[in-house]
Amino acid sequence: MRIHLLLFFILFSLTSQSQTIQTIDSLNNEICQSLAENKILNDEIRLHSINKSHVMPFLAKFKDTIAQRKAFEKMIYRLQKNCNEFNALFPKDSIQNDWGMQNEKPIGHVSKEQCNTFDESKKFHYWEERGKKVEVTINGNLWIEKFGDNTFSKLLYRKRGNCEFELEFIESNNLSRKNLSVKGDKYRYKIYDEEENIYSIYSKNKETYYTFKLIKE
């Protein structure tokens, strides 16, 4: 049902160069606020409402369909990054079930020693939804991700205290990652568990915690 709703959203919306990130993020703030205000409505009605009030007027500014599609892609990926209400409409559907969303802070079950030795291993991987494997290499202060379609992402890796580390986006030629982030975007992660070479990690967006598993190779 969730997948059908997402298809409805995309197909309904897609009936100049793309706007700046600031313009898109400002639009997405309005969309996210609208979604938060109409929680009591049916999800399909909620999507129809934001299409009519926000998305269609935004896309109508574009005369070039290619630029329109690029702007729409950027808008969707930035929504996924910044809007918990939007993500709640389309929960992760991972075969490995390695991803989660929760309102309560994950309980830590990891020692300082386990965290300190985390990046002694240089090769990891994680699973995206629908079972897509992403290979991770830590090379000095670089965090490099390789995707199944041979695209990549490159980020700065910084180890922080209290079992935390930070990634700063540099570049990517992967469709989702290059639309999700702009150079300089920073992401803070915390390791909260480790068992049999599998690290449980979370990041926080406002009051929502996103969890996933990083597997040592």
Protein backbone atom coordinates (compact mmCIF):
# COMPACT_ATOMS: atom_id res chain seq x y z
CA MET A 1 0.00 0.00 0.00
CA ARG A 2 2.84 2.40 0.86
CA ILE A 3 4.55 1.73 -2.47
CA HIS A 4 1.32 2.46 -4.32
CA LEU A 5 1.03 5.77 -2.47
CA LEU A 6 4.56 6.75 -3.45
CA LEU A 7 3.87 5.90 -7.10
CA PHE A 8 0.72 7.98 -6.93
CA PHE A 9 2.69 10.89 -5.54
CA ILE A 10 5.34 10.73 -8.27
CA LEU A 11 3.01 10.15 -11.21
CA PHE A 12 0.57 12.83 -10.12
CA SER A 13 3.34 15.36 -9.69
CA LEU A 14 5.09 14.75 -12.99
CA THR A 15 2.04 15.79 -15.27
CA SER A 16 15.71 26.33 -16.30
CA GLN A 17 17.94 24.80 -14.08
CA SER A 18 16.69 23.33 -10.84
CA GLN A 19 15.97 25.65 -7.93
CA THR A 20 18.63 26.25 -5.29
CA ILE A 21 18.88 23.94 -2.31
CA GLN A 22 17.63 26.77 -0.11
CA THR A 23 14.48 27.15 -2.22
CA ILE A 24 13.80 23.42 -2.21
CA ASP A 25 14.43 23.07 1.51
CA SER A 26 12.12 26.01 2.19
CA LEU A 27 9.41 24.31 0.12
CA ASN A 28 10.02 21.03 1.93
CA ASN A 29 9.64 22.75 5.30
CA GLU A 30 6.17 23.84 4.20
CA ILE A 31 5.36 20.33 2.95
CA CYS A 32 6.55 18.76 6.20
CA GLN A 33 4.52 21.21 8.26
CA SER A 34 1.43 20.44 6.19
CA LEU A 35 1.92 16.71 6.71
CA ALA A 36 2.27 17.24 10.45
CA GLU A 37 -0.93 19.30 10.55
CA ASN A 38 -3.12 16.79 8.67
CA LYS A 39 -2.16 13.55 10.41
CA ILE A 40 -5.79 12.62 11.01
CA LEU A 41 -6.49 12.39 7.27
CA ASN A 42 -6.06 9.38 5.02
CA ASP A 43 -2.48 9.15 3.68
CA GLU A 44 -3.58 9.37 0.06
CA ILE A 45 -5.58 12.51 0.85
CA ARG A 46 -2.56 13.98 2.62
CA LEU A 47 -0.37 13.39 -0.44
CA HIS A 48 -3.04 14.80 -2.76
CA SER A 49 -3.24 17.89 -0.56
CA ILE A 50 0.49 18.64 -0.60
CA ASN A 51 0.60 18.01 -4.35
CA LYS A 52 -2.13 20.57 -4.94
CA SER A 53 -0.89 23.15 -2.45
CA HIS A 54 2.89 22.86 -2.79
CA VAL A 55 4.31 20.50 -5.40
CA MET A 56 2.29 21.40 -8.50
CA PRO A 57 2.77 25.20 -8.08
CA PHE A 58 6.51 24.60 -7.64
CA LEU A 59 6.83 22.40 -10.75
CA ALA A 60 4.71 24.79 -12.80
CA LYS A 61 7.58 27.28 -12.66
CA PHE A 62 9.62 25.03 -14.96
CA LYS A 63 9.16 25.09 -18.73
CA ASP A 64 11.86 22.49 -19.38
CA THR A 65 10.71 18.96 -18.45
CA ILE A 66 14.26 17.76 -17.80
CA ALA A 67 14.89 20.59 -15.34
CA GLN A 68 11.49 19.89 -13.80
CA ARG A 69 12.33 16.24 -13.23
CA LYS A 70 15.72 17.11 -11.69
CA ALA A 71 14.09 19.58 -9.32
CA PHE A 72 11.46 17.03 -8.37
CA GLU A 73 14.11 14.37 -7.67
CA LYS A 74 16.04 16.81 -5.51
CA MET A 75 12.87 17.72 -3.62
CA ILE A 76 11.99 14.06 -2.92
CA TYR A 77 15.44 13.09 -1.69
CA ARG A 78 15.76 16.17 0.49
CA LEU A 79 12.33 15.36 1.97
CA GLN A 80 13.61 11.90 2.84
CA LYS A 81 16.57 13.48 4.57
CA ASN A 82 14.81 16.23 6.51
CA CYS A 83 11.13 15.33 7.01
CA ASN A 84 10.21 12.61 9.49
CA GLU A 85 6.52 12.93 8.60
CA PHE A 86 7.30 12.12 4.97
CA ASN A 87 9.46 9.12 5.89
CA ALA A 88 6.69 7.77 8.10
CA LEU A 89 4.49 7.47 4.98
CA PHE A 90 7.01 5.14 3.34
CA PRO A 91 8.68 2.93 5.96
CA LYS A 92 11.82 1.03 5.01
CA ASP A 93 11.13 -2.31 3.37
CA SER A 94 14.50 -4.00 3.75
CA ILE A 95 14.72 -7.74 3.21
CA GLN A 96 17.36 -7.88 5.94
CA ASN A 97 15.20 -5.66 8.14
CA ASP A 98 18.32 -3.71 9.13
CA TRP A 99 16.69 -0.28 9.12
CA GLY A 100 14.31 1.22 11.62
CA MET A 101 12.63 4.40 12.79
CA GLN A 102 11.70 5.05 16.41
CA ASN A 103 10.85 7.85 18.79
CA GLU A 104 12.79 6.49 21.77
CA LYS A 105 16.55 6.73 22.01
CA PRO A 106 18.17 3.31 21.43
CA ILE A 107 19.63 1.81 24.59
CA GLY A 108 23.40 1.49 24.52
CA HIS A 109 24.96 -1.95 25.01
CA VAL A 110 28.49 -1.25 23.82
CA SER A 111 31.71 -0.61 25.72
CA LYS A 112 34.18 2.21 25.16
CA GLU A 113 36.75 -0.39 24.06
CA GLN A 114 34.41 -1.73 21.38
CA CYS A 115 33.88 1.78 20.04
CA ASN A 116 37.59 2.60 20.07
CA THR A 117 38.39 -0.38 17.85
CA PHE A 118 35.52 0.24 15.42
CA ASP A 119 37.59 1.78 12.61
CA GLU A 120 40.50 -0.63 12.98
CA SER A 121 38.59 -2.59 10.39
CA LYS A 122 38.60 -0.87 7.01
CA LYS A 123 35.91 -2.86 5.19
CA PHE A 124 32.21 -2.92 6.03
CA HIS A 125 28.90 -3.18 4.26
CA TYR A 126 25.25 -2.42 4.92
CA TRP A 127 22.01 -3.29 3.20
CA GLU A 128 19.64 -0.77 1.70
CA GLU A 129 15.96 -1.50 1.27
CA ARG A 130 15.08 -4.23 -1.25
CA GLY A 131 18.33 -6.01 -0.41
CA LYS A 132 20.83 -3.73 -2.14
CA LYS A 133 24.33 -4.09 -0.70
CA VAL A 134 26.52 -1.04 -0.14
CA GLU A 135 30.26 -1.60 0.39
CA VAL A 136 32.04 0.77 2.78
CA THR A 137 35.78 1.43 2.92
CA ILE A 138 37.40 3.60 5.60
CA ASN A 139 40.66 4.93 4.19
CA GLY A 140 42.29 7.34 6.61
CA ASN A 141 39.86 10.21 6.94
CA LEU A 142 37.74 9.12 3.97
CA TRP A 143 34.53 7.08 4.07
CA ILE A 144 33.89 5.67 0.59
CA GLU A 145 30.68 3.87 -0.37
CA LYS A 146 30.33 1.70 -3.48
CA PHE A 147 26.89 0.77 -4.76
CA GLY A 148 25.67 -2.17 -6.82
CA ASP A 149 25.46 -0.07 -9.99
CA ASN A 150 29.18 0.87 -9.64
CA THR A 151 28.42 4.41 -8.48
CA PHE A 152 30.10 5.83 -5.38
CA SER A 153 29.92 8.35 -2.58
CA LYS A 154 32.87 9.98 -0.85
CA LEU A 155 32.67 11.56 2.61
CA LEU A 156 35.07 12.82 5.25
CA TYR A 157 35.21 10.54 8.28
CA ARG A 158 35.83 11.99 11.74
CA LYS A 159 35.89 9.98 14.93
CA ARG A 160 34.18 11.70 17.86
CA GLY A 161 33.96 10.85 21.53
CA ASN A 162 31.25 8.87 23.29
CA CYS A 163 31.04 6.18 20.56
CA GLU A 164 30.15 8.75 17.90
CA PHE A 165 31.52 9.54 14.45
CA GLU A 166 30.73 12.21 11.86
CA LEU A 167 30.53 12.02 8.09
CA GLU A 168 30.81 15.12 5.89
CA PHE A 169 29.59 14.80 2.31
CA ILE A 170 32.15 15.52 -0.43
CA GLU A 171 30.79 14.11 -3.70
CA SER A 172 28.80 11.30 -5.31
CA ASN A 173 27.65 10.12 -8.71
CA ASN A 174 24.89 7.97 -7.19
CA LEU A 175 21.39 9.22 -8.04
CA SER A 176 19.99 9.19 -4.52
CA ARG A 177 23.12 10.38 -2.69
CA LYS A 178 23.88 13.32 -4.98
CA ASN A 179 20.30 14.52 -4.57
CA LEU A 180 20.18 13.79 -0.86
CA SER A 181 23.23 15.83 0.11
CA VAL A 182 25.24 18.87 -0.90
CA LYS A 183 28.95 19.34 -0.27
CA GLY A 184 29.57 20.13 3.38
CA ASP A 185 26.46 18.41 4.76
CA LYS A 186 27.36 16.67 8.02
CA TYR A 187 25.85 13.57 9.58
CA ARG A 188 26.43 12.45 13.17
CA TYR A 189 26.16 8.75 14.07
CA LYS A 190 26.38 6.83 17.34
CA ILE A 191 27.29 3.18 17.84
CA TYR A 192 24.99 1.68 20.46
CA ASP A 193 25.60 -2.07 20.14
CA GLU A 194 28.09 -4.56 18.68
CA GLU A 195 27.63 -8.30 18.36
CA GLU A 196 29.44 -10.80 16.14
CA ASN A 197 31.01 -8.05 13.98
CA ILE A 198 27.67 -6.31 13.43
CA TYR A 199 27.47 -2.71 14.66
CA SER A 200 24.09 -1.20 15.49
CA ILE A 201 24.14 2.53 14.75
CA TYR A 202 21.69 5.39 14.95
CA SER A 203 21.36 8.98 13.78
CA LYS A 204 18.89 11.52 15.10
CA ASN A 205 16.66 13.91 13.15
CA LYS A 206 14.70 16.18 15.47
CA GLU A 207 12.94 13.74 17.83
CA THR A 208 13.21 10.68 15.57
CA TYR A 209 15.97 8.09 15.68
CA TYR A 210 16.98 6.22 12.52
CA THR A 211 18.75 2.91 13.15
CA PHE A 212 20.72 0.61 10.86
CA LYS A 213 23.35 -2.13 10.98
CA LEU A 214 26.92 -1.92 9.67
CA ILE A 215 28.57 -5.30 9.10
CA LYS A 216 32.33 -5.81 9.41
CA GLU A 217 33.93 -7.81 6.57
